[in-house]
Every structure is written in structure tokens, then in C-alpha cells.
Amino acid sequence: MINDVRVNIEKGSFSAADAARYIEQIKKTSKFTLKKITFSRSDDFLDIRYSFREIPFERLRRLAFTPSSEKQAVNN
């Protein structure tokens, strides 16, 4: 935990001071409360994934369509 944010470092070397710097930058530019951040570092890139407390999770559901045997009027 850094500044009340759950920090996860998936791969690569990354210091707590660097993580704190990125967290402060995100906090400055966002109006939402940062909840979790994940760092993944390779030789050339740093991937940062983060989530906020206020943005709700949206569940998507896929249902099988079963057509009705009755004919129905549309827009009547």
C-alpha cells in the first residue's frame, strides 16, 4: 500500500519511490479516488493499469436468444 492505494508489481524491477511518483501524477489529473494500481515493466515499456473507487463495475451478460412462436407487431 502506498498513499492508501493497493500497489501490485507484476514483473520487472520497480521502486516504491517510482510507484509513489506515478500515483501522485494520476491523483493530480483525476477527479476520482484511486483504488488499485498495477505496474508491469519490460526493458522498453512500463504498463500501468489502475482502477478507481467511484466508477462502478458494469456486468455484461450474454443470453441465448429464443425467438417467440407468436408474430408480434413492431411499433404499434
C-alpha atoms as a PDB file:
ATOM      1  CA  MET A   1       0.000   0.000   0.000  1.00  0.00           C
ATOM      2  CA  ILE A   2       1.244   3.440  -0.933  1.00  0.00           C
ATOM      3  CA  ASN A   3      -0.846   6.523  -0.045  1.00  0.00           C
ATOM      4  CA  ASP A   4      -3.966   4.356   0.530  1.00  0.00           C
ATOM      5  CA  VAL A   5      -3.603   2.729  -2.901  1.00  0.00           C
ATOM      6  CA  ARG A   6      -3.090  -1.014  -3.346  1.00  0.00           C
ATOM      7  CA  VAL A   7       0.062  -1.464  -5.455  1.00  0.00           C
ATOM      8  CA  ASN A   8       0.872  -4.595  -7.449  1.00  0.00           C
ATOM      9  CA  ILE A   9       4.133  -5.028  -9.377  1.00  0.00           C
ATOM     10  CA  GLU A  10       3.631  -7.856 -11.862  1.00  0.00           C
ATOM     11  CA  LYS A  11       7.068  -8.061 -13.419  1.00  0.00           C
ATOM     12  CA  GLY A  12      10.288  -6.120 -13.691  1.00  0.00           C
ATOM     13  CA  SER A  13      12.127  -4.091 -11.096  1.00  0.00           C
ATOM     14  CA  PHE A  14      10.297  -1.021  -9.847  1.00  0.00           C
ATOM     15  CA  SER A  15      10.964   1.021  -6.708  1.00  0.00           C
ATOM     16  CA  ALA A  16       8.401   2.258  -4.183  1.00  0.00           C
ATOM     17  CA  ALA A  17       9.558   5.833  -4.843  1.00  0.00           C
ATOM     18  CA  ASP A  18       8.810   5.447  -8.570  1.00  0.00           C
ATOM     19  CA  ALA A  19       5.397   3.945  -7.789  1.00  0.00           C
ATOM     20  CA  ALA A  20       4.587   6.834  -5.424  1.00  0.00           C
ATOM     21  CA  ARG A  21       5.538   9.356  -8.124  1.00  0.00           C
ATOM     22  CA  TYR A  22       3.182   7.754 -10.673  1.00  0.00           C
ATOM     23  CA  ILE A  23       0.394   7.523  -8.087  1.00  0.00           C
ATOM     24  CA  GLU A  24       0.685  11.244  -7.311  1.00  0.00           C
ATOM     25  CA  GLN A  25       0.569  12.098 -11.026  1.00  0.00           C
ATOM     26  CA  ILE A  26      -2.623  10.077 -11.504  1.00  0.00           C
ATOM     27  CA  LYS A  27      -4.195  11.629  -8.391  1.00  0.00           C
ATOM     28  CA  LYS A  28      -3.428  15.142  -9.674  1.00  0.00           C
ATOM     29  CA  THR A  29      -5.053  14.522 -13.057  1.00  0.00           C
ATOM     30  CA  SER A  30      -8.145  12.601 -11.935  1.00  0.00           C
ATOM     31  CA  LYS A  31     -11.247  13.634 -10.030  1.00  0.00           C
ATOM     32  CA  PHE A  32     -11.826  10.063  -8.810  1.00  0.00           C
ATOM     33  CA  THR A  33     -10.228   8.268  -5.841  1.00  0.00           C
ATOM     34  CA  LEU A  34      -7.530   5.834  -6.915  1.00  0.00           C
ATOM     35  CA  LYS A  35      -8.111   2.338  -5.527  1.00  0.00           C
ATOM     36  CA  LYS A  36      -5.596  -0.022  -7.142  1.00  0.00           C
ATOM     37  CA  ILE A  37      -2.630   0.235  -9.497  1.00  0.00           C
ATOM     38  CA  THR A  38      -0.602  -2.453 -11.274  1.00  0.00           C
ATOM     39  CA  PHE A  39       2.847  -1.904 -12.788  1.00  0.00           C
ATOM     40  CA  SER A  40       4.393  -4.236 -15.348  1.00  0.00           C
ATOM     41  CA  ARG A  41       7.845  -3.270 -16.606  1.00  0.00           C
ATOM     42  CA  SER A  42       9.828  -4.591 -19.553  1.00  0.00           C
ATOM     43  CA  ASP A  43      13.081  -3.267 -20.998  1.00  0.00           C
ATOM     44  CA  ASP A  44      11.326  -0.713 -23.212  1.00  0.00           C
ATOM     45  CA  PHE A  45       7.908  -0.128 -21.697  1.00  0.00           C
ATOM     46  CA  LEU A  46       6.050   0.394 -18.442  1.00  0.00           C
ATOM     47  CA  ASP A  47       2.435  -0.752 -18.434  1.00  0.00           C
ATOM     48  CA  ILE A  48       0.221   0.857 -15.797  1.00  0.00           C
ATOM     49  CA  ARG A  49      -3.298  -0.375 -15.053  1.00  0.00           C
ATOM     50  CA  TYR A  50      -5.401   1.301 -12.399  1.00  0.00           C
ATOM     51  CA  SER A  51      -8.943   1.442 -11.067  1.00  0.00           C
ATOM     52  CA  PHE A  52     -10.989   3.959  -9.117  1.00  0.00           C
ATOM     53  CA  ARG A  53     -13.412   3.565  -6.203  1.00  0.00           C
ATOM     54  CA  GLU A  54     -16.231   5.676  -7.642  1.00  0.00           C
ATOM     55  CA  ILE A  55     -16.511   4.034 -11.040  1.00  0.00           C
ATOM     56  CA  PRO A  56     -18.961   1.126 -10.663  1.00  0.00           C
ATOM     57  CA  PHE A  57     -18.356  -2.294 -12.118  1.00  0.00           C
ATOM     58  CA  GLU A  58     -20.629  -2.991 -15.050  1.00  0.00           C
ATOM     59  CA  ARG A  59     -21.566  -6.587 -15.649  1.00  0.00           C
ATOM     60  CA  LEU A  60     -22.292  -7.664 -19.193  1.00  0.00           C
ATOM     61  CA  ARG A  61     -24.424 -10.696 -19.732  1.00  0.00           C
ATOM     62  CA  ARG A  62     -24.885 -12.768 -22.849  1.00  0.00           C
ATOM     63  CA  LEU A  63     -28.180 -14.573 -23.173  1.00  0.00           C
ATOM     64  CA  ALA A  64     -29.275 -17.070 -25.767  1.00  0.00           C
ATOM     65  CA  PHE A  65     -31.973 -15.598 -27.989  1.00  0.00           C
ATOM     66  CA  THR A  66     -35.096 -17.729 -28.222  1.00  0.00           C
ATOM     67  CA  PRO A  67     -37.483 -16.407 -30.846  1.00  0.00           C
ATOM     68  CA  SER A  68     -41.134 -16.323 -29.921  1.00  0.00           C
ATOM     69  CA  SER A  69     -43.516 -18.580 -31.839  1.00  0.00           C
ATOM     70  CA  GLU A  70     -46.071 -15.735 -31.966  1.00  0.00           C
ATOM     71  CA  LYS A  71     -45.907 -12.993 -34.571  1.00  0.00           C
ATOM     72  CA  GLN A  72     -45.699  -9.604 -32.938  1.00  0.00           C
ATOM     73  CA  ALA A  73     -46.313  -6.169 -34.344  1.00  0.00           C
ATOM     74  CA  VAL A  74     -43.432  -3.707 -34.016  1.00  0.00           C
ATOM     75  CA  ASN A  75     -44.018  -0.007 -33.214  1.00  0.00           C
ATOM     76  CA  ASN A  76     -47.800  -0.391 -32.983  1.00  0.00           C
END
